């Protein structure tokens, strides 16, 4: 039987050989032993049971083959909370936490006061954005949509487990809201924005395992934004805030799209913590829109 130190040493070397992140070994072992990192580091000389080591080896082998660590452990942290994830949903990224922050801050600017706001998270996936908004701001009445029933099931599970009140609706982009004549003050989305060309450059951990439909539009990466522009007028009232996550090269294109459809919109392109364009925020007044193009 091996000690914690020996198990980590073996796993790190084994993963490095395959070009994987050696830090995954720590994550997988803490998950298997159900302890945190500080407890793991304090247990270097403790012996691991044969059963735990065999399960750990299986997890390490899965990651060596390219399966994301988050799908192996079934969880990922987002905005200080633990979300369940699986192969049906995109793994939440730190950049998307900045999208949540943008929604919270811009909503206060565009809608000063304390009135309730109807927010919709389009293409919710794991529910990370929708659940976080519902828990972070009492002003938001949150609806979340997704075309994938498996994703909606995961999102509902996360909302229930974390105690968030979110209304989930199945459907494509804003169509379910349009059909039900639902309105929104705030629209937020992290749509599939990776181009077909850029998909080829992604790590196999992402490209082969995360749902392609949540990553790419199969074209230039801008198709979903174009669809949004045509659907937004049907779900907003006199004023609305729209916040999109974007690819780092898409800031100008999405900003210009907003100005073409909503000439007087107040559009801002915000950078992420790495200094790259990552978020587009648009404050729209319904009386100042161009005809659908």
Protein backbone atom coordinates (compact mmCIF):
# COMPACT_ATOMS: atom_id res chain seq x y z
CA UNK A 1 0.00 0.00 0.00
CA UNK A 2 1.14 3.54 -0.74
CA UNK A 3 1.32 6.68 1.34
CA UNK A 4 -0.37 9.90 0.24
CA UNK A 5 3.02 11.27 -0.84
CA UNK A 6 3.83 8.18 -2.90
CA UNK A 7 0.44 8.22 -4.57
CA UNK A 8 0.80 11.88 -5.51
CA UNK A 9 4.34 11.39 -6.78
CA UNK A 10 3.26 8.51 -8.99
CA UNK A 11 0.19 10.32 -10.33
CA UNK A 12 2.06 13.56 -11.05
CA UNK A 13 4.76 11.76 -13.03
CA UNK A 14 2.21 9.65 -14.88
CA UNK A 15 0.23 12.73 -15.92
CA UNK A 16 3.31 14.73 -16.92
CA UNK A 17 4.34 11.89 -19.24
CA UNK A 18 1.08 12.36 -21.13
CA UNK A 19 1.34 16.16 -21.18
CA UNK A 20 -1.40 16.63 -18.60
CA UNK A 21 -1.46 19.04 -15.67
CA UNK A 22 0.26 17.43 -12.69
CA UNK A 23 -1.86 19.54 -10.32
CA UNK A 24 -4.80 17.35 -11.30
CA UNK A 25 -3.30 14.64 -9.09
CA UNK A 26 -3.93 16.72 -5.96
CA UNK A 27 -7.49 17.54 -6.99
CA UNK A 28 -8.33 13.92 -7.74
CA UNK A 29 -6.82 12.61 -4.52
CA UNK A 30 -8.51 15.17 -2.29
CA UNK A 31 -11.77 14.24 -3.99
CA UNK A 32 -11.20 10.52 -3.51
CA UNK A 33 -10.25 10.90 0.16
CA UNK A 34 -12.94 13.57 0.73
CA UNK A 35 -10.52 15.98 2.40
CA UNK A 36 -9.32 19.49 1.59
CA UNK A 37 -5.86 20.42 0.31
CA UNK A 38 -4.48 21.47 3.71
CA UNK A 39 -5.52 18.13 5.21
CA UNK A 40 -3.97 16.32 2.25
CA UNK A 41 -0.63 18.08 2.71
CA UNK A 42 -0.69 17.25 6.41
CA UNK A 43 -1.32 13.58 5.60
CA UNK A 44 1.68 12.89 3.36
CA UNK A 45 2.85 9.96 5.49
CA UNK A 46 -0.58 8.40 5.96
CA UNK A 47 -1.24 5.14 4.15
CA UNK A 48 -4.01 5.04 1.56
CA UNK A 49 -6.32 2.05 1.62
CA UNK A 50 -6.08 -0.34 -1.32
CA UNK A 51 -9.65 0.49 -2.30
CA UNK A 52 -9.05 4.26 -2.33
CA UNK A 53 -5.81 3.88 -4.27
CA UNK A 54 -7.43 1.73 -6.96
CA UNK A 55 -10.23 4.29 -7.41
CA UNK A 56 -7.65 7.09 -7.49
CA UNK A 57 -5.66 5.23 -10.16
CA UNK A 58 -8.81 4.90 -12.26
CA UNK A 59 -9.47 8.66 -11.99
CA UNK A 60 -5.87 9.49 -12.90
CA UNK A 61 -6.08 7.18 -15.91
CA UNK A 62 -9.26 8.89 -17.08
CA UNK A 63 -7.60 12.31 -16.93
CA UNK A 64 -4.49 10.98 -18.66
CA UNK A 65 -6.84 9.96 -21.49
CA UNK A 66 -8.14 13.53 -21.62
CA UNK A 67 -11.31 13.48 -19.53
CA UNK A 68 -11.57 16.84 -17.71
CA UNK A 69 -10.92 16.66 -13.97
CA UNK A 70 -14.24 18.38 -13.33
CA UNK A 71 -16.16 15.63 -15.11
CA UNK A 72 -14.31 13.00 -13.09
CA UNK A 73 -15.05 14.65 -9.74
CA UNK A 74 -18.45 15.88 -10.92
CA UNK A 75 -17.96 19.40 -9.60
CA UNK A 76 -16.43 22.82 -10.18
CA UNK A 77 -16.25 25.97 -8.10
CA UNK A 78 -17.92 29.13 -9.40
CA UNK A 79 -18.26 32.42 -7.56
CA UNK A 80 -17.45 30.71 -4.28
CA UNK A 81 -20.00 27.92 -4.68
CA UNK A 82 -19.67 24.31 -5.78
CA UNK A 83 -21.64 23.36 -8.89
CA UNK A 84 -22.33 19.88 -10.17
CA UNK A 85 -21.06 19.37 -13.73
CA UNK A 86 -21.13 16.55 -16.24
CA UNK A 87 -20.53 15.89 -19.92
CA UNK A 88 -23.83 17.57 -20.83
CA UNK A 89 -22.72 21.04 -19.66
CA UNK A 90 -19.82 23.39 -20.22
CA UNK A 91 -17.41 23.57 -17.29
CA UNK A 92 -17.75 27.04 -15.67
CA UNK A 93 -14.69 29.25 -16.18
CA UNK A 94 -13.26 32.12 -14.10
CA UNK A 95 -13.93 34.51 -17.01
CA UNK A 96 -17.63 33.85 -16.65
CA UNK A 97 -17.48 34.97 -13.03
CA UNK A 98 -16.55 38.36 -14.48
CA UNK A 99 -19.71 38.24 -16.59
CA UNK A 100 -21.73 37.86 -13.39
CA UNK A 101 -19.89 40.81 -11.86
CA UNK A 102 -20.63 42.88 -14.96
CA UNK A 103 -24.34 42.06 -14.74
CA UNK A 104 -24.49 42.98 -11.06
CA UNK A 105 -22.67 46.31 -11.49
CA UNK A 106 -24.29 47.35 -14.78
CA UNK A 107 -27.78 46.53 -13.53
CA UNK A 108 -27.28 49.02 -10.70
CA UNK A 109 -26.17 51.66 -13.22
CA UNK A 110 -28.90 51.07 -15.81
CA UNK A 111 -31.69 50.44 -13.30
CA UNK A 112 -30.92 52.60 -10.25
CA UNK A 113 -33.21 51.95 -7.34
CA UNK A 114 -34.57 48.85 -5.69
CA UNK A 115 -37.33 47.64 -8.03
CA UNK A 116 -37.34 43.97 -8.97
CA UNK A 117 -35.72 43.09 -12.29
CA UNK A 118 -36.57 40.19 -14.56
CA UNK A 119 -33.31 38.56 -15.62
CA UNK A 120 -32.90 35.74 -18.12
CA UNK A 121 -29.80 33.57 -18.56
CA UNK A 122 -29.88 32.19 -22.09
CA UNK A 123 -28.14 28.86 -22.65
CA UNK A 124 -27.74 28.30 -18.94
CA UNK A 125 -25.81 25.00 -19.06
CA UNK A 126 -24.93 24.11 -15.47
CA UNK A 127 -26.95 27.09 -14.26
CA UNK A 128 -23.85 28.81 -12.91
CA UNK A 129 -24.82 32.31 -14.06
CA UNK A 130 -28.53 32.03 -13.29
CA UNK A 131 -28.07 30.49 -9.84
CA UNK A 132 -25.35 32.97 -8.90
CA UNK A 133 -27.43 35.98 -9.93
CA UNK A 134 -30.42 34.67 -7.98
CA UNK A 135 -28.30 34.21 -4.86
CA UNK A 136 -26.22 37.38 -5.15
CA UNK A 137 -28.98 39.93 -5.76
CA UNK A 138 -32.45 39.99 -4.21
CA UNK A 139 -33.49 42.34 -7.03
CA UNK A 140 -33.40 39.61 -9.66
CA UNK A 141 -36.28 37.35 -10.59
CA UNK A 142 -34.32 34.85 -12.68
CA UNK A 143 -35.38 32.71 -15.63
CA UNK A 144 -32.95 30.37 -17.39
CA UNK A 145 -33.28 28.71 -20.78
CA UNK A 146 -31.44 25.92 -22.57
CA UNK A 147 -32.12 23.79 -25.62
CA UNK A 148 -30.64 20.74 -23.88
CA UNK A 149 -32.90 18.87 -21.48
CA UNK A 150 -29.84 17.21 -19.91
CA UNK A 151 -28.34 20.63 -19.23
CA UNK A 152 -31.61 21.87 -17.72
CA UNK A 153 -31.70 18.84 -15.45
CA UNK A 154 -28.19 19.65 -14.22
CA UNK A 155 -29.07 23.32 -13.74
CA UNK A 156 -32.22 22.47 -11.79
CA UNK A 157 -30.19 20.18 -9.55
CA UNK A 158 -27.69 22.97 -8.85
CA UNK A 159 -30.43 25.50 -8.13
CA UNK A 160 -32.17 23.12 -5.74
CA UNK A 161 -28.98 22.11 -3.95
CA UNK A 162 -27.80 25.71 -3.54
CA UNK A 163 -31.22 27.08 -2.61
CA UNK A 164 -31.69 29.39 -5.60
CA UNK A 165 -35.12 30.30 -6.95
CA UNK A 166 -34.83 30.06 -10.75
CA UNK A 167 -37.52 29.38 -13.36
CA UNK A 168 -36.18 26.97 -16.01
CA UNK A 169 -37.61 26.81 -19.53
CA UNK A 170 -36.57 24.53 -22.38
CA UNK A 171 -36.02 26.04 -25.80
CA UNK A 172 -33.66 27.70 -28.27
CA UNK A 173 -32.24 31.12 -27.30
CA UNK A 174 -35.08 33.58 -26.59
CA UNK A 175 -37.77 31.62 -28.44
CA UNK A 176 -39.35 30.12 -25.29
CA UNK A 177 -39.79 33.60 -23.82
CA UNK A 178 -41.23 34.93 -27.07
CA UNK A 179 -43.73 32.05 -27.25
CA UNK A 180 -44.84 32.66 -23.67
CA UNK A 181 -44.83 36.44 -24.10
CA UNK A 182 -42.38 36.79 -21.22
CA UNK A 183 -40.39 40.01 -20.87
CA UNK A 184 -36.90 40.63 -19.51
CA UNK A 185 -35.11 43.64 -18.08
CA UNK A 186 -31.73 41.90 -18.11
CA UNK A 187 -30.51 39.38 -20.69
CA UNK A 188 -27.23 37.56 -20.09
CA UNK A 189 -25.62 34.80 -22.10
CA UNK A 190 -22.38 32.92 -22.58
CA UNK A 191 -23.28 31.53 -26.02
CA UNK A 192 -21.21 29.19 -28.20
CA UNK A 193 -18.71 31.70 -29.61
CA UNK A 194 -15.71 29.63 -30.69
CA UNK A 195 -15.34 29.52 -34.46
CA UNK A 196 -15.12 26.22 -36.31
CA UNK A 197 -11.54 27.10 -37.24
CA UNK A 198 -10.53 27.87 -33.64
CA UNK A 199 -12.11 24.63 -32.42
CA UNK A 200 -9.26 22.77 -34.09
CA UNK A 201 -6.73 24.58 -31.90
CA UNK A 202 -8.37 23.71 -28.57
CA UNK A 203 -6.89 21.21 -26.15
CA UNK A 204 -8.28 17.71 -26.65
CA UNK A 205 -9.47 17.89 -23.03
CA UNK A 206 -11.93 20.58 -24.13
CA UNK A 207 -12.51 19.71 -27.79
CA UNK A 208 -13.24 16.02 -27.34
CA UNK A 209 -15.09 16.06 -24.04
CA UNK A 210 -17.06 19.27 -23.45
CA UNK A 211 -20.33 19.54 -25.42
CA UNK A 212 -19.55 20.93 -28.88
CA UNK A 213 -22.93 22.63 -29.01
CA UNK A 214 -21.96 24.75 -26.01
CA UNK A 215 -18.59 25.70 -27.51
CA UNK A 216 -19.06 26.52 -31.19
CA UNK A 217 -21.70 27.67 -33.66
CA UNK A 218 -20.01 25.62 -36.37
CA UNK A 219 -19.21 28.78 -38.31
CA UNK A 220 -17.48 32.09 -37.50
CA UNK A 221 -18.41 32.23 -33.81
CA UNK A 222 -20.79 35.17 -34.30
CA UNK A 223 -23.97 33.40 -35.40
CA UNK A 224 -25.68 33.33 -32.01
CA UNK A 225 -25.07 37.05 -31.45
CA UNK A 226 -26.72 37.75 -34.82
CA UNK A 227 -29.75 35.71 -33.80
CA UNK A 228 -29.93 37.51 -30.46
CA UNK A 229 -30.10 40.89 -32.20
CA UNK A 230 -33.26 39.85 -34.04
CA UNK A 231 -34.94 38.23 -31.02
CA UNK A 232 -34.12 40.78 -28.29
CA UNK A 233 -36.78 43.36 -29.36
CA UNK A 234 -39.53 40.80 -28.72
CA UNK A 235 -38.66 40.24 -25.06
CA UNK A 236 -37.64 43.64 -23.70
CA UNK A 237 -39.67 46.49 -22.30
CA UNK A 238 -38.85 50.18 -22.58
CA UNK A 239 -35.31 49.61 -21.35
CA UNK A 240 -32.99 46.62 -21.06
CA UNK A 241 -29.47 45.55 -20.20
CA UNK A 242 -27.83 42.88 -22.34
CA UNK A 243 -24.55 41.25 -21.27
CA UNK A 244 -22.67 38.75 -23.43
CA UNK A 245 -19.50 36.80 -22.89
CA UNK A 246 -17.43 36.94 -26.09
CA UNK A 247 -14.27 35.55 -27.57
CA UNK A 248 -11.28 37.84 -27.10
CA UNK A 249 -11.19 38.83 -30.79
CA UNK A 250 -14.92 39.51 -31.10
CA UNK A 251 -15.35 42.76 -29.16
CA UNK A 252 -15.53 45.10 -32.15
CA UNK A 253 -17.77 42.79 -34.18
CA UNK A 254 -20.35 42.36 -31.42
CA UNK A 255 -20.24 46.06 -30.49
CA UNK A 256 -20.84 47.01 -34.15
CA UNK A 257 -23.69 44.51 -34.31
CA UNK A 258 -25.40 46.21 -31.36
CA UNK A 259 -24.96 49.63 -32.95
CA UNK A 260 -26.42 48.40 -36.24
CA UNK A 261 -29.57 47.02 -34.62
CA UNK A 262 -29.77 49.48 -31.70
CA UNK A 263 -28.12 52.73 -32.93
CA UNK A 264 -28.48 54.61 -29.65
CA UNK A 265 -27.48 51.75 -27.36
CA UNK A 266 -24.81 52.46 -24.77
CA UNK A 267 -22.35 49.67 -25.61
CA UNK A 268 -19.21 48.84 -23.64
CA UNK A 269 -16.57 46.21 -24.31
CA UNK A 270 -14.97 45.09 -21.05
CA UNK A 271 -11.68 43.26 -20.61
CA UNK A 272 -11.10 40.23 -18.41
CA UNK A 273 -8.41 39.91 -15.75
CA UNK A 274 -5.93 38.94 -18.47
CA UNK A 275 -6.52 42.20 -20.32
CA UNK A 276 -8.47 40.60 -23.18
CA UNK A 277 -11.88 41.64 -24.50
CA UNK A 278 -14.32 39.26 -22.82
CA UNK A 279 -17.66 40.98 -22.13
CA UNK A 280 -20.00 43.23 -24.08
CA UNK A 281 -22.61 45.21 -22.13
CA UNK A 282 -25.38 47.11 -23.90
CA UNK A 283 -28.01 49.37 -22.36
CA UNK A 284 -30.91 49.52 -24.82
CA UNK A 285 -34.00 51.70 -25.04
CA UNK A 286 -36.75 50.05 -27.07
CA UNK A 287 -37.88 53.26 -28.74
CA UNK A 288 -34.47 53.67 -30.31
CA UNK A 289 -34.00 50.58 -32.43
CA UNK A 290 -33.44 49.96 -36.12
CA UNK A 291 -35.81 47.74 -38.08
CA UNK A 292 -34.77 44.06 -38.01
CA UNK A 293 -31.90 43.44 -40.40
